[in-house]
Amino acid sequence: DRIQAEKDRKKQKQKEKIERQKKEGTYMTKKQKQQAALAQQRLEAMKAAGMDVPSGGGKKPAYGKKKGSSVEDKEDEAEEARKKAQAEAKKRAEEEAKKLAEEKRLEEERLAEEARKNAEEEDDA
């Protein structure tokens, strides 16, 4: 009885220790402990070989503070693109109108020249 009570007390104490370590975030399984030991051995070997090994505790990334393009910026860009497309379309329409006006003027000049030649020919005849 006394031996069984001692075993139960040790088991309970071990469970409490594991629970405390889990809450603190320091609990490691047997496999994790072996991996950590191997990693430490590798680190020591690298240092012994003269390699420059950075110490831990580097700068932590800042989440949620990254400045990116907002929805408003995208809407502004879309509006600018739409206005630019409208301006280009208007410019093309104006150029087309100028071109048609020039062609019409040249055709009228050609017809006027033809009419003048015809009139001169009739006068000569």
Foldseek 3Di string as FASTA:
>chain_A
DVVVVVVVVVVVVVVVVQVVCVVVVNDDDPVRVVVVVVVVVVVVVCVVVVHDDDDDDDDDDDPPPDDDDDPVNVVVVVVVVVVVVVVVVVVVVVVVVVVVVVVVVVVVVVVVVVVVVVVVVVVVD
